[in-house]
Amino acid sequence: STGINAEYGGLVGKRGLLFTNKQVDEVKDWFASHKQYCYARSGSVATETVVLPEGPLDLPHPMEPQLRQLGLPTRLKEGVIVLDQEHTVCSAGKPLTTQQAVILKHLGNSMAEFQVELISCWSEGKLTILSENNSSMEVADDVNDEPGDENEI
């Protein structure tokens, strides 16, 4: 048999392999329930509207110049960063700018979600392509398994 490589050249980019003796549904369920929240990057779509109210910010005072450079109307008052007026950092559904992503990170707002997406399964000589809507398509292993017909990889 030429194996999975001859059948499917889908191991490109940021993809990897998982070897397990678990059933496909069990693996899909496990990955569906394991998510990691992380900081959004520039270009990510905001999942919520973030509005900072006028008044003191709970951030270390040395950050004030950087916050001002990022577009926040801030000043130092007795060693405390103060926001001079209400400020909308981002709006839900709109792409984040670099400045907005940095501000959200400083605020500790983990707006992005990291999750592994299963795209295919190889089992018992069959490649199953798992689509985004959880339906699947099987690709049969039609390779001649006679000795001497193996392709070297």
C-alpha atoms as a PDB file:
ATOM      1  CA  SER A   1       0.000   0.000   0.000  1.00  0.00           C
ATOM      2  CA  THR A   2       1.242   3.518  -0.702  1.00  0.00           C
ATOM      3  CA  GLY A   3      -0.335   4.699   2.546  1.00  0.00           C
ATOM      4  CA  ILE A   4      -1.986   7.903   3.576  1.00  0.00           C
ATOM      5  CA  ASN A   5       0.538  10.170   1.836  1.00  0.00           C
ATOM      6  CA  ALA A   6      -0.456   8.904  -1.611  1.00  0.00           C
ATOM      7  CA  GLU A   7      -4.154   9.265  -0.793  1.00  0.00           C
ATOM      8  CA  TYR A   8      -4.154  12.655   0.871  1.00  0.00           C
ATOM      9  CA  GLY A   9      -1.641  15.482   0.616  1.00  0.00           C
ATOM     10  CA  GLY A  10      -3.426  17.544   3.282  1.00  0.00           C
ATOM     11  CA  LEU A  11      -0.531  17.831   5.728  1.00  0.00           C
ATOM     12  CA  VAL A  12       0.437  21.395   4.848  1.00  0.00           C
ATOM     13  CA  GLY A  13       0.641  24.651   6.759  1.00  0.00           C
ATOM     14  CA  LYS A  14      -0.195  24.559  10.453  1.00  0.00           C
ATOM     15  CA  ARG A  15      -1.448  20.996  10.546  1.00  0.00           C
ATOM     16  CA  GLY A  16      -0.319  17.956  12.451  1.00  0.00           C
ATOM     17  CA  LEU A  17      -0.979  14.273  12.997  1.00  0.00           C
ATOM     18  CA  LEU A  18      -2.561  12.576  15.997  1.00  0.00           C
ATOM     19  CA  PHE A  19      -2.094   8.858  16.460  1.00  0.00           C
ATOM     20  CA  THR A  20      -4.588   7.187  18.786  1.00  0.00           C
ATOM     21  CA  ASN A  21      -6.515   3.987  19.329  1.00  0.00           C
ATOM     22  CA  LYS A  22      -9.649   5.935  20.341  1.00  0.00           C
ATOM     23  CA  GLN A  23     -12.818   6.016  18.233  1.00  0.00           C
ATOM     24  CA  VAL A  24     -13.285   9.010  15.896  1.00  0.00           C
ATOM     25  CA  ASP A  25     -16.391  10.272  17.710  1.00  0.00           C
ATOM     26  CA  GLU A  26     -14.578  10.169  21.064  1.00  0.00           C
ATOM     27  CA  VAL A  27     -11.659  12.197  19.649  1.00  0.00           C
ATOM     28  CA  LYS A  28     -14.033  14.710  17.996  1.00  0.00           C
ATOM     29  CA  ASP A  29     -15.946  15.155  21.264  1.00  0.00           C
ATOM     30  CA  TRP A  30     -12.718  15.653  23.244  1.00  0.00           C
ATOM     31  CA  PHE A  31     -11.414  18.339  20.896  1.00  0.00           C
ATOM     32  CA  ALA A  32     -14.820  20.040  20.752  1.00  0.00           C
ATOM     33  CA  SER A  33     -14.777  20.426  24.540  1.00  0.00           C
ATOM     34  CA  HIS A  34     -11.189  21.704  24.837  1.00  0.00           C
ATOM     35  CA  LYS A  35     -10.738  25.355  23.939  1.00  0.00           C
ATOM     36  CA  GLN A  36      -8.107  27.870  24.958  1.00  0.00           C
ATOM     37  CA  TYR A  37      -8.761  31.573  25.105  1.00  0.00           C
ATOM     38  CA  CYS A  38      -5.959  33.872  23.986  1.00  0.00           C
ATOM     39  CA  TYR A  39      -5.384  37.480  23.024  1.00  0.00           C
ATOM     40  CA  ALA A  40      -6.843  38.595  19.721  1.00  0.00           C
ATOM     41  CA  ARG A  41      -4.496  39.809  17.013  1.00  0.00           C
ATOM     42  CA  SER A  42      -4.780  42.580  14.481  1.00  0.00           C
ATOM     43  CA  GLY A  43      -7.374  41.642  11.867  1.00  0.00           C
ATOM     44  CA  SER A  44      -9.326  39.348  14.199  1.00  0.00           C
ATOM     45  CA  VAL A  45     -13.030  40.139  14.441  1.00  0.00           C
ATOM     46  CA  ALA A  46     -14.082  41.543  17.819  1.00  0.00           C
ATOM     47  CA  THR A  47     -16.485  39.225  19.621  1.00  0.00           C
ATOM     48  CA  GLU A  48     -17.766  41.948  21.936  1.00  0.00           C
ATOM     49  CA  THR A  49     -17.885  45.714  22.270  1.00  0.00           C
ATOM     50  CA  VAL A  50     -15.408  46.968  24.875  1.00  0.00           C
ATOM     51  CA  VAL A  51     -16.062  50.396  26.377  1.00  0.00           C
ATOM     52  CA  LEU A  52     -13.798  51.897  29.033  1.00  0.00           C
ATOM     53  CA  PRO A  53     -15.581  54.284  31.403  1.00  0.00           C
ATOM     54  CA  GLU A  54     -14.120  57.664  32.323  1.00  0.00           C
ATOM     55  CA  GLY A  55     -11.963  57.489  35.433  1.00  0.00           C
ATOM     56  CA  PRO A  56      -9.026  55.543  36.885  1.00  0.00           C
ATOM     57  CA  LEU A  57      -7.627  52.503  35.079  1.00  0.00           C
ATOM     58  CA  ASP A  58      -6.239  49.575  37.049  1.00  0.00           C
ATOM     59  CA  LEU A  59      -2.916  49.515  35.201  1.00  0.00           C
ATOM     60  CA  PRO A  60       0.642  50.326  36.346  1.00  0.00           C
ATOM     61  CA  HIS A  61       1.492  54.030  35.973  1.00  0.00           C
ATOM     62  CA  PRO A  62       4.564  53.490  33.715  1.00  0.00           C
ATOM     63  CA  MET A  63       2.136  52.300  30.983  1.00  0.00           C
ATOM     64  CA  GLU A  64       0.445  55.703  30.650  1.00  0.00           C
ATOM     65  CA  PRO A  65       2.636  57.053  27.794  1.00  0.00           C
ATOM     66  CA  GLN A  66       2.134  53.861  25.787  1.00  0.00           C
ATOM     67  CA  LEU A  67      -1.639  53.981  26.323  1.00  0.00           C
ATOM     68  CA  ARG A  68      -1.684  57.585  25.109  1.00  0.00           C
ATOM     69  CA  GLN A  69       0.306  56.567  22.004  1.00  0.00           C
ATOM     70  CA  LEU A  70      -2.292  53.852  21.375  1.00  0.00           C
ATOM     71  CA  GLY A  71      -4.994  56.522  21.239  1.00  0.00           C
ATOM     72  CA  LEU A  72      -6.457  56.424  24.746  1.00  0.00           C
ATOM     73  CA  PRO A  73      -7.196  59.862  26.265  1.00  0.00           C
ATOM     74  CA  THR A  74      -5.177  59.276  29.456  1.00  0.00           C
ATOM     75  CA  ARG A  75      -3.148  61.268  31.973  1.00  0.00           C
ATOM     76  CA  LEU A  76      -1.412  60.584  35.255  1.00  0.00           C
ATOM     77  CA  LYS A  77      -3.075  61.942  38.388  1.00  0.00           C
ATOM     78  CA  GLU A  78      -1.223  61.307  41.661  1.00  0.00           C
ATOM     79  CA  GLY A  79       0.490  58.237  40.167  1.00  0.00           C
ATOM     80  CA  VAL A  80      -2.752  56.719  38.840  1.00  0.00           C
ATOM     81  CA  ILE A  81      -3.664  56.411  35.150  1.00  0.00           C
ATOM     82  CA  VAL A  82      -6.916  58.260  34.536  1.00  0.00           C
ATOM     83  CA  LEU A  83      -9.073  58.028  31.422  1.00  0.00           C
ATOM     84  CA  ASP A  84     -10.312  61.566  30.660  1.00  0.00           C
ATOM     85  CA  GLN A  85     -13.454  60.409  28.855  1.00  0.00           C
ATOM     86  CA  GLU A  86     -15.307  57.225  28.013  1.00  0.00           C
ATOM     87  CA  HIS A  87     -13.532  55.366  25.212  1.00  0.00           C
ATOM     88  CA  THR A  88     -14.782  52.557  22.945  1.00  0.00           C
ATOM     89  CA  VAL A  89     -11.848  50.227  22.385  1.00  0.00           C
ATOM     90  CA  CYS A  90     -13.608  48.011  19.826  1.00  0.00           C
ATOM     91  CA  SER A  91     -17.037  47.152  18.466  1.00  0.00           C
ATOM     92  CA  ALA A  92     -18.417  43.628  18.120  1.00  0.00           C
ATOM     93  CA  GLY A  93     -18.236  42.244  14.596  1.00  0.00           C
ATOM     94  CA  LYS A  94     -15.554  44.640  13.349  1.00  0.00           C
ATOM     95  CA  PRO A  95     -11.906  43.746  12.636  1.00  0.00           C
ATOM     96  CA  LEU A  96      -9.383  44.834  15.252  1.00  0.00           C
ATOM     97  CA  THR A  97      -6.592  47.267  14.450  1.00  0.00           C
ATOM     98  CA  THR A  98      -3.117  46.703  15.841  1.00  0.00           C
ATOM     99  CA  GLN A  99      -3.717  49.415  18.460  1.00  0.00           C
ATOM    100  CA  GLN A 100      -7.002  47.876  19.582  1.00  0.00           C
ATOM    101  CA  ALA A 101      -5.424  44.410  19.897  1.00  0.00           C
ATOM    102  CA  VAL A 102      -2.595  45.823  22.044  1.00  0.00           C
ATOM    103  CA  ILE A 103      -5.027  47.728  24.289  1.00  0.00           C
ATOM    104  CA  LEU A 104      -7.142  44.589  24.778  1.00  0.00           C
ATOM    105  CA  LYS A 105      -4.008  42.643  25.717  1.00  0.00           C
ATOM    106  CA  HIS A 106      -3.035  45.289  28.292  1.00  0.00           C
ATOM    107  CA  LEU A 107      -6.547  45.052  29.729  1.00  0.00           C
ATOM    108  CA  GLY A 108      -6.251  41.249  29.949  1.00  0.00           C
ATOM    109  CA  ASN A 109      -9.156  40.702  27.555  1.00  0.00           C
ATOM    110  CA  SER A 110      -8.738  37.265  25.940  1.00  0.00           C
ATOM    111  CA  MET A 111     -11.164  37.707  23.066  1.00  0.00           C
ATOM    112  CA  ALA A 112      -9.796  35.049  20.701  1.00  0.00           C
ATOM    113  CA  GLU A 113     -10.456  31.336  20.992  1.00  0.00           C
ATOM    114  CA  PHE A 114      -7.979  28.641  19.986  1.00  0.00           C
ATOM    115  CA  GLN A 115      -9.416  25.252  19.094  1.00  0.00           C
ATOM    116  CA  VAL A 116      -8.110  22.291  17.141  1.00  0.00           C
ATOM    117  CA  GLU A 117     -10.153  21.485  14.058  1.00  0.00           C
ATOM    118  CA  LEU A 118     -10.196  17.872  12.916  1.00  0.00           C
ATOM    119  CA  ILE A 119     -10.175  17.749   9.126  1.00  0.00           C
ATOM    120  CA  SER A 120      -9.640  14.088   8.306  1.00  0.00           C
ATOM    121  CA  CYS A 121      -9.306  10.588   9.710  1.00  0.00           C
ATOM    122  CA  TRP A 122      -7.371   7.583   8.404  1.00  0.00           C
ATOM    123  CA  SER A 123      -8.621   4.251   9.700  1.00  0.00           C
ATOM    124  CA  GLU A 124      -8.494   0.717   8.338  1.00  0.00           C
ATOM    125  CA  GLY A 125      -7.325   1.798   4.883  1.00  0.00           C
ATOM    126  CA  LYS A 126      -9.933   4.533   4.467  1.00  0.00           C
ATOM    127  CA  LEU A 127      -9.440   8.259   4.490  1.00  0.00           C
ATOM    128  CA  THR A 128     -12.445  10.148   5.830  1.00  0.00           C
ATOM    129  CA  ILE A 129     -12.562  13.884   5.162  1.00  0.00           C
ATOM    130  CA  LEU A 130     -14.467  15.582   7.973  1.00  0.00           C
ATOM    131  CA  SER A 131     -16.239  18.695   6.749  1.00  0.00           C
ATOM    132  CA  GLU A 132     -17.091  21.866   8.667  1.00  0.00           C
ATOM    133  CA  ASN A 133     -20.730  20.836   9.106  1.00  0.00           C
ATOM    134  CA  ASN A 134     -19.778  17.481  10.695  1.00  0.00           C
ATOM    135  CA  SER A 135     -20.794  15.435   7.654  1.00  0.00           C
ATOM    136  CA  SER A 136     -18.114  13.263   6.168  1.00  0.00           C
ATOM    137  CA  MET A 137     -16.949  11.793   2.912  1.00  0.00           C
ATOM    138  CA  GLU A 138     -15.040   8.518   2.699  1.00  0.00           C
ATOM    139  CA  VAL A 139     -12.255   7.904   0.209  1.00  0.00           C
ATOM    140  CA  ALA A 140     -11.628   4.183  -0.332  1.00  0.00           C
ATOM    141  CA  ASP A 141      -8.100   2.785  -0.350  1.00  0.00           C
ATOM    142  CA  ASP A 142      -7.963   1.435  -3.934  1.00  0.00           C
ATOM    143  CA  VAL A 143      -4.245   0.749  -3.812  1.00  0.00           C
ATOM    144  CA  ASN A 144      -3.011  -2.641  -4.998  1.00  0.00           C
ATOM    145  CA  ASP A 145      -1.534  -4.341  -1.903  1.00  0.00           C
ATOM    146  CA  GLU A 146       0.568  -6.893  -3.807  1.00  0.00           C
ATOM    147  CA  PRO A 147       4.239  -7.129  -2.780  1.00  0.00           C
ATOM    148  CA  GLY A 148       6.634  -5.113  -4.905  1.00  0.00           C
ATOM    149  CA  ASP A 149       4.088  -2.427  -5.796  1.00  0.00           C
ATOM    150  CA  GLU A 150       4.924  -0.081  -2.900  1.00  0.00           C
ATOM    151  CA  ASN A 151       5.944   3.437  -3.825  1.00  0.00           C
ATOM    152  CA  GLU A 152       8.866   4.739  -1.848  1.00  0.00           C
ATOM    153  CA  ILE A 153       8.389   8.032  -0.083  1.00  0.00           C
END
